[in-house]
Amino acid sequence: MSPLLAGLTWLLVFQSAGEALALATGAPVPGPVVGMALLLVALRLRDARDAAAEAPLGVAADGLARHLSLLFVPAGVGVMLHAARLADEGAALALALVASTILALAATGLTFQWLLRRAARDEREGSERA
């Protein structure tokens, strides 16, 4: 089996597992997001010496990233299909987009500052022990 096909298979397996888990639990999280979280856990739990296991996933990710623009075609078609609705609700959508972007940037900045303070504290504690 080619590495690309093996990687895509693993991605689809984890997406399906995420869909099943999201449906079974009634979680308000999309199945593919749950599947990617499961994949992250599986990759973190795997043996660090087993780097060959991630090779197919890397090939599949590189292939998908190379053709990422094609994944936006359905969204563009949806925008064109609902152009009238966008015209009616465009101001509210624009406000929500700007507000969510500002909140995401603020959350990212605050998280980064917290991590820097934590790393500095851990470094101080490590030097005090030595």
N, C-alpha and C. Protein backbone atom coordinates (compact mmCIF):
# COMPACT_ATOMS: atom_id res chain seq x y z
N MET A 1 0.86 -1.17 0.00
CA MET A 1 0.00 0.00 0.00
C MET A 1 0.91 1.24 0.00
N SER A 2 0.55 2.22 -0.78
CA SER A 2 1.36 3.44 -0.87
C SER A 2 1.23 4.23 0.44
N PRO A 3 2.27 4.99 0.78
CA PRO A 3 2.20 5.78 2.02
C PRO A 3 1.05 6.78 2.02
N LEU A 4 0.75 7.37 0.85
CA LEU A 4 -0.35 8.32 0.78
C LEU A 4 -1.67 7.64 1.11
N LEU A 5 -1.90 6.49 0.51
CA LEU A 5 -3.15 5.76 0.75
C LEU A 5 -3.22 5.30 2.20
N ALA A 6 -2.10 4.84 2.75
CA ALA A 6 -2.09 4.41 4.15
C ALA A 6 -2.39 5.59 5.08
N GLY A 7 -1.79 6.74 4.79
CA GLY A 7 -2.03 7.91 5.62
C GLY A 7 -3.48 8.38 5.55
N LEU A 8 -4.03 8.42 4.33
CA LEU A 8 -5.44 8.82 4.18
C LEU A 8 -6.36 7.83 4.89
N THR A 9 -5.99 6.55 4.83
CA THR A 9 -6.79 5.54 5.52
C THR A 9 -6.80 5.80 7.02
N TRP A 10 -5.63 6.08 7.59
CA TRP A 10 -5.57 6.36 9.02
C TRP A 10 -6.37 7.61 9.37
N LEU A 11 -6.28 8.64 8.53
CA LEU A 11 -7.07 9.85 8.79
C LEU A 11 -8.57 9.56 8.77
N LEU A 12 -9.00 8.76 7.81
CA LEU A 12 -10.42 8.41 7.72
C LEU A 12 -10.86 7.50 8.86
N VAL A 13 -9.98 6.61 9.31
CA VAL A 13 -10.31 5.75 10.46
C VAL A 13 -10.55 6.61 11.70
N PHE A 14 -9.65 7.56 11.94
CA PHE A 14 -9.82 8.41 13.12
C PHE A 14 -11.00 9.35 12.96
N GLN A 15 -11.28 9.82 11.74
CA GLN A 15 -12.45 10.66 11.54
C GLN A 15 -13.72 9.86 11.81
N SER A 16 -13.77 8.62 11.32
CA SER A 16 -14.94 7.77 11.56
C SER A 16 -15.12 7.47 13.04
N ALA A 17 -14.00 7.20 13.73
CA ALA A 17 -14.08 6.94 15.17
C ALA A 17 -14.59 8.19 15.90
N GLY A 18 -14.14 9.35 15.46
CA GLY A 18 -14.61 10.60 16.06
C GLY A 18 -16.09 10.83 15.81
N GLU A 19 -16.53 10.55 14.59
CA GLU A 19 -17.96 10.68 14.27
C GLU A 19 -18.79 9.75 15.15
N ALA A 20 -18.34 8.50 15.28
CA ALA A 20 -19.08 7.53 16.09
C ALA A 20 -19.12 7.96 17.54
N LEU A 21 -18.01 8.42 18.06
CA LEU A 21 -17.95 8.86 19.45
C LEU A 21 -18.81 10.10 19.69
N ALA A 22 -18.78 11.04 18.75
CA ALA A 22 -19.59 12.25 18.89
C ALA A 22 -21.08 11.91 18.85
N LEU A 23 -21.46 11.00 17.96
CA LEU A 23 -22.87 10.59 17.89
C LEU A 23 -23.29 9.81 19.12
N ALA A 24 -22.43 8.93 19.60
CA ALA A 24 -22.76 8.09 20.75
C ALA A 24 -22.90 8.91 22.03
N THR A 25 -22.07 9.91 22.17
CA THR A 25 -22.10 10.71 23.40
C THR A 25 -23.00 11.93 23.30
N GLY A 26 -23.38 12.30 22.07
CA GLY A 26 -24.19 13.50 21.89
C GLY A 26 -23.40 14.77 22.15
N ALA A 27 -22.09 14.67 22.04
CA ALA A 27 -21.22 15.82 22.30
C ALA A 27 -21.48 16.92 21.27
N PRO A 28 -21.42 18.18 21.71
CA PRO A 28 -21.66 19.29 20.78
C PRO A 28 -20.41 19.66 19.98
N VAL A 29 -19.57 18.67 19.70
CA VAL A 29 -18.32 18.87 18.97
C VAL A 29 -18.42 18.05 17.69
N PRO A 30 -18.00 18.61 16.55
CA PRO A 30 -18.05 17.83 15.31
C PRO A 30 -17.18 16.58 15.38
N GLY A 31 -17.64 15.54 14.74
CA GLY A 31 -16.93 14.27 14.73
C GLY A 31 -15.50 14.36 14.24
N PRO A 32 -15.24 15.08 13.13
CA PRO A 32 -13.86 15.19 12.68
C PRO A 32 -12.93 15.83 13.71
N VAL A 33 -13.44 16.76 14.50
CA VAL A 33 -12.63 17.38 15.54
C VAL A 33 -12.30 16.35 16.62
N VAL A 34 -13.29 15.56 17.00
CA VAL A 34 -13.06 14.49 17.98
C VAL A 34 -12.05 13.49 17.41
N GLY A 35 -12.19 13.17 16.13
CA GLY A 35 -11.26 12.23 15.49
C GLY A 35 -9.84 12.74 15.49
N MET A 36 -9.65 14.04 15.20
CA MET A 36 -8.29 14.60 15.22
C MET A 36 -7.73 14.62 16.64
N ALA A 37 -8.60 14.82 17.64
CA ALA A 37 -8.14 14.76 19.03
C ALA A 37 -7.71 13.33 19.37
N LEU A 38 -8.47 12.35 18.91
CA LEU A 38 -8.09 10.95 19.12
C LEU A 38 -6.76 10.64 18.43
N LEU A 39 -6.57 11.16 17.23
CA LEU A 39 -5.31 10.95 16.51
C LEU A 39 -4.15 11.58 17.28
N LEU A 40 -4.37 12.77 17.82
CA LEU A 40 -3.33 13.43 18.61
C LEU A 40 -2.96 12.58 19.82
N VAL A 41 -3.97 12.05 20.51
CA VAL A 41 -3.71 11.21 21.69
C VAL A 41 -2.94 9.96 21.26
N ALA A 42 -3.35 9.34 20.15
CA ALA A 42 -2.68 8.13 19.68
C ALA A 42 -1.22 8.42 19.32
N LEU A 43 -0.97 9.55 18.70
CA LEU A 43 0.41 9.89 18.34
C LEU A 43 1.25 10.21 19.57
N ARG A 44 0.63 10.83 20.57
CA ARG A 44 1.37 11.15 21.79
C ARG A 44 1.67 9.89 22.61
N LEU A 45 0.79 8.89 22.54
CA LEU A 45 0.96 7.67 23.33
C LEU A 45 1.87 6.64 22.65
N ARG A 46 2.10 6.80 21.37
CA ARG A 46 2.90 5.81 20.66
C ARG A 46 4.33 5.84 21.16
N ASP A 47 5.02 4.78 20.88
CA ASP A 47 6.42 4.67 21.27
C ASP A 47 7.23 5.70 20.48
N ALA A 48 8.03 6.49 21.15
CA ALA A 48 8.80 7.55 20.49
C ALA A 48 9.77 6.98 19.46
N ARG A 49 10.18 5.73 19.64
CA ARG A 49 11.11 5.12 18.69
C ARG A 49 10.42 4.70 17.40
N ASP A 50 9.09 4.70 17.40
CA ASP A 50 8.34 4.23 16.24
C ASP A 50 8.03 5.40 15.30
N ALA A 51 9.08 6.07 14.82
CA ALA A 51 8.89 7.23 13.94
C ALA A 51 8.36 6.81 12.58
N ALA A 52 8.57 5.57 12.18
CA ALA A 52 8.09 5.10 10.88
C ALA A 52 6.57 5.08 10.83
N ALA A 53 5.92 5.01 11.99
CA ALA A 53 4.45 4.96 12.01
C ALA A 53 3.85 6.28 11.56
N GLU A 54 4.56 7.39 11.77
CA GLU A 54 3.99 8.67 11.36
C GLU A 54 4.28 9.02 9.92
N ALA A 55 5.14 8.29 9.25
CA ALA A 55 5.50 8.61 7.86
C ALA A 55 4.28 8.66 6.93
N PRO A 56 3.39 7.66 6.96
CA PRO A 56 2.22 7.74 6.07
C PRO A 56 1.33 8.95 6.38
N LEU A 57 1.19 9.29 7.66
CA LEU A 57 0.38 10.46 8.01
C LEU A 57 1.03 11.73 7.49
N GLY A 58 2.35 11.80 7.55
CA GLY A 58 3.07 12.96 7.03
C GLY A 58 2.90 13.11 5.53
N VAL A 59 2.96 11.97 4.82
CA VAL A 59 2.78 12.01 3.36
C VAL A 59 1.37 12.47 3.03
N ALA A 60 0.38 11.95 3.75
CA ALA A 60 -1.01 12.34 3.49
C ALA A 60 -1.23 13.81 3.83
N ALA A 61 -0.66 14.27 4.94
CA ALA A 61 -0.82 15.68 5.32
C ALA A 61 -0.16 16.60 4.30
N ASP A 62 1.03 16.22 3.82
CA ASP A 62 1.70 17.03 2.79
C ASP A 62 0.86 17.07 1.51
N GLY A 63 0.31 15.93 1.13
CA GLY A 63 -0.53 15.89 -0.07
C GLY A 63 -1.78 16.75 0.05
N LEU A 64 -2.42 16.69 1.21
CA LEU A 64 -3.61 17.51 1.43
C LEU A 64 -3.25 18.99 1.48
N ALA A 65 -2.14 19.32 2.12
CA ALA A 65 -1.74 20.73 2.22
C ALA A 65 -1.37 21.29 0.85
N ARG A 66 -0.79 20.46 0.00
CA ARG A 66 -0.42 20.92 -1.34
C ARG A 66 -1.65 21.30 -2.16
N HIS A 67 -2.76 20.64 -1.90
CA HIS A 67 -3.99 20.90 -2.66
C HIS A 67 -5.07 21.52 -1.78
N LEU A 68 -4.65 22.26 -0.77
CA LEU A 68 -5.58 22.85 0.18
C LEU A 68 -6.57 23.80 -0.48
N SER A 69 -6.15 24.49 -1.50
CA SER A 69 -7.04 25.45 -2.15
C SER A 69 -8.28 24.77 -2.72
N LEU A 70 -8.17 23.52 -3.12
CA LEU A 70 -9.33 22.80 -3.66
C LEU A 70 -10.40 22.58 -2.59
N LEU A 71 -9.99 22.53 -1.33
CA LEU A 71 -10.95 22.30 -0.26
C LEU A 71 -11.83 23.53 -0.01
N PHE A 72 -11.43 24.68 -0.56
CA PHE A 72 -12.22 25.89 -0.38
C PHE A 72 -13.27 26.06 -1.47
N VAL A 73 -13.24 25.24 -2.50
CA VAL A 73 -14.21 25.35 -3.59
C VAL A 73 -15.64 25.16 -3.08
N PRO A 74 -15.92 24.11 -2.28
CA PRO A 74 -17.30 23.97 -1.78
C PRO A 74 -17.76 25.17 -0.95
N ALA A 75 -16.86 25.74 -0.16
CA ALA A 75 -17.24 26.92 0.63
C ALA A 75 -17.56 28.09 -0.29
N GLY A 76 -16.78 28.27 -1.35
CA GLY A 76 -17.05 29.35 -2.31
C GLY A 76 -18.38 29.16 -3.00
N VAL A 77 -18.70 27.92 -3.35
CA VAL A 77 -20.00 27.63 -3.98
C VAL A 77 -21.13 27.94 -3.00
N GLY A 78 -20.92 27.59 -1.73
CA GLY A 78 -21.94 27.88 -0.72
C GLY A 78 -22.16 29.37 -0.55
N VAL A 79 -21.09 30.14 -0.60
CA VAL A 79 -21.21 31.60 -0.48
C VAL A 79 -22.02 32.14 -1.66
N MET A 80 -21.72 31.65 -2.85
CA MET A 80 -22.46 32.12 -4.03
C MET A 80 -23.92 31.69 -3.98
N LEU A 81 -24.17 30.50 -3.45
CA LEU A 81 -25.53 30.00 -3.36
C LEU A 81 -26.38 30.82 -2.40
N HIS A 82 -25.76 31.31 -1.33
CA HIS A 82 -26.49 32.06 -0.31
C HIS A 82 -26.12 33.54 -0.32
N ALA A 83 -25.87 34.09 -1.49
CA ALA A 83 -25.45 35.50 -1.60
C ALA A 83 -26.52 36.44 -1.07
N ALA A 84 -27.79 36.15 -1.32
CA ALA A 84 -28.86 37.03 -0.85
C ALA A 84 -28.92 37.05 0.68
N ARG A 85 -28.76 35.89 1.28
CA ARG A 85 -28.77 35.81 2.75
C ARG A 85 -27.56 36.56 3.32
N LEU A 86 -26.42 36.43 2.66
CA LEU A 86 -25.24 37.15 3.11
C LEU A 86 -25.44 38.66 3.03
N ALA A 87 -26.14 39.10 2.00
CA ALA A 87 -26.41 40.53 1.88
C ALA A 87 -27.29 41.02 3.03
N ASP A 88 -28.27 40.19 3.43
CA ASP A 88 -29.16 40.56 4.53
C ASP A 88 -28.45 40.54 5.88
N GLU A 89 -27.59 39.55 6.09
CA GLU A 89 -26.97 39.35 7.40
C GLU A 89 -25.47 39.64 7.39
N GLY A 90 -25.00 40.32 6.37
CA GLY A 90 -23.57 40.58 6.20
C GLY A 90 -22.96 41.39 7.32
N ALA A 91 -23.67 42.41 7.80
CA ALA A 91 -23.12 43.26 8.86
C ALA A 91 -22.92 42.46 10.14
N ALA A 92 -23.90 41.64 10.50
CA ALA A 92 -23.79 40.82 11.71
C ALA A 92 -22.66 39.81 11.56
N LEU A 93 -22.53 39.21 10.38
CA LEU A 93 -21.45 38.25 10.14
C LEU A 93 -20.09 38.93 10.21
N ALA A 94 -19.98 40.11 9.64
CA ALA A 94 -18.71 40.83 9.67
C ALA A 94 -18.34 41.19 11.11
N LEU A 95 -19.30 41.65 11.89
CA LEU A 95 -19.06 41.98 13.29
C LEU A 95 -18.61 40.74 14.08
N ALA A 96 -19.30 39.63 13.85
CA ALA A 96 -18.93 38.38 14.53
C ALA A 96 -17.53 37.93 14.13
N LEU A 97 -17.20 38.08 12.86
CA LEU A 97 -15.88 37.69 12.37
C LEU A 97 -14.78 38.55 12.99
N VAL A 98 -14.98 39.85 13.03
CA VAL A 98 -13.99 40.76 13.61
C VAL A 98 -13.86 40.51 15.11
N ALA A 99 -14.98 40.37 15.81
CA ALA A 99 -14.94 40.15 17.26
C ALA A 99 -14.27 38.82 17.59
N SER A 100 -14.60 37.78 16.86
CA SER A 100 -13.99 36.47 17.15
C SER A 100 -12.50 36.48 16.83
N THR A 101 -12.09 37.21 15.81
CA THR A 101 -10.66 37.32 15.50
C THR A 101 -9.92 38.04 16.62
N ILE A 102 -10.49 39.12 17.10
CA ILE A 102 -9.86 39.87 18.20
C ILE A 102 -9.78 39.01 19.46
N LEU A 103 -10.86 38.29 19.77
CA LEU A 103 -10.85 37.41 20.94
C LEU A 103 -9.84 36.28 20.80
N ALA A 104 -9.73 35.72 19.60
CA ALA A 104 -8.76 34.64 19.37
C ALA A 104 -7.33 35.15 19.52
N LEU A 105 -7.05 36.35 19.00
CA LEU A 105 -5.72 36.93 19.14
C LEU A 105 -5.40 37.22 20.61
N ALA A 106 -6.39 37.74 21.33
CA ALA A 106 -6.18 38.04 22.75
C ALA A 106 -5.94 36.75 23.53
N ALA A 107 -6.73 35.72 23.26
CA ALA A 107 -6.55 34.44 23.96
C ALA A 107 -5.19 33.84 23.65
N THR A 108 -4.76 33.95 22.41
CA THR A 108 -3.45 33.42 22.02
C THR A 108 -2.34 34.19 22.74
N GLY A 109 -2.43 35.50 22.75
CA GLY A 109 -1.42 36.31 23.42
C GLY A 109 -1.36 36.04 24.91
N LEU A 110 -2.51 35.95 25.56
CA LEU A 110 -2.54 35.68 27.00
C LEU A 110 -2.00 34.29 27.31
N THR A 111 -2.34 33.32 26.48
CA THR A 111 -1.82 31.96 26.68
C THR A 111 -0.30 31.94 26.52
N PHE A 112 0.21 32.64 25.52
CA PHE A 112 1.65 32.69 25.30
C PHE A 112 2.35 33.35 26.49
N GLN A 113 1.80 34.45 27.00
CA GLN A 113 2.40 35.10 28.17
C GLN A 113 2.39 34.17 29.37
N TRP A 114 1.31 33.45 29.59
CA TRP A 114 1.20 32.51 30.70
C TRP A 114 2.25 31.42 30.56
N LEU A 115 2.42 30.89 29.33
CA LEU A 115 3.42 29.85 29.11
C LEU A 115 4.84 30.38 29.32
N LEU A 116 5.11 31.61 28.92
CA LEU A 116 6.43 32.19 29.15
C LEU A 116 6.70 32.33 30.65
N ARG A 117 5.72 32.82 31.41
CA ARG A 117 5.89 32.94 32.86
C ARG A 117 6.10 31.57 33.50
N ARG A 118 5.34 30.58 33.03
CA ARG A 118 5.47 29.23 33.57
C ARG A 118 6.84 28.64 33.25
N ALA A 119 7.33 28.84 32.03
CA ALA A 119 8.65 28.33 31.65
C ALA A 119 9.74 29.00 32.48
N ALA A 120 9.61 30.32 32.71
CA ALA A 120 10.60 31.03 33.52
C ALA A 120 10.57 30.53 34.95
N ARG A 121 9.38 30.28 35.49
CA ARG A 121 9.26 29.76 36.86
C ARG A 121 9.87 28.37 36.95
N ASP A 122 9.58 27.51 35.96
CA ASP A 122 10.15 26.16 35.96
C ASP A 122 11.67 26.20 35.87
N GLU A 123 12.18 27.14 35.08
CA GLU A 123 13.63 27.28 34.93
C GLU A 123 14.26 27.75 36.24
N ARG A 124 13.62 28.70 36.93
CA ARG A 124 14.12 29.17 38.22
C ARG A 124 14.12 28.04 39.24
N GLU A 125 13.03 27.26 39.27
CA GLU A 125 12.94 26.15 40.22
C GLU A 125 13.99 25.09 39.91
N GLY A 126 14.26 24.88 38.64
CA GLY A 126 15.28 23.89 38.26
C GLY A 126 16.67 24.32 38.64
N SER A 127 16.96 25.62 38.52
CA SER A 127 18.29 26.12 38.88
C SER A 127 18.47 26.16 40.40
N GLU A 128 17.37 26.35 41.15
CA GLU A 128 17.47 26.36 42.60
C GLU A 128 17.75 24.97 43.14
N ARG A 129 17.27 23.96 42.47
CA ARG A 129 17.49 22.57 42.92
C ARG A 129 18.94 22.13 42.69
N ALA A 130 19.56 22.71 41.67
CA ALA A 130 20.93 22.29 41.32
C ALA A 130 21.98 22.82 42.22
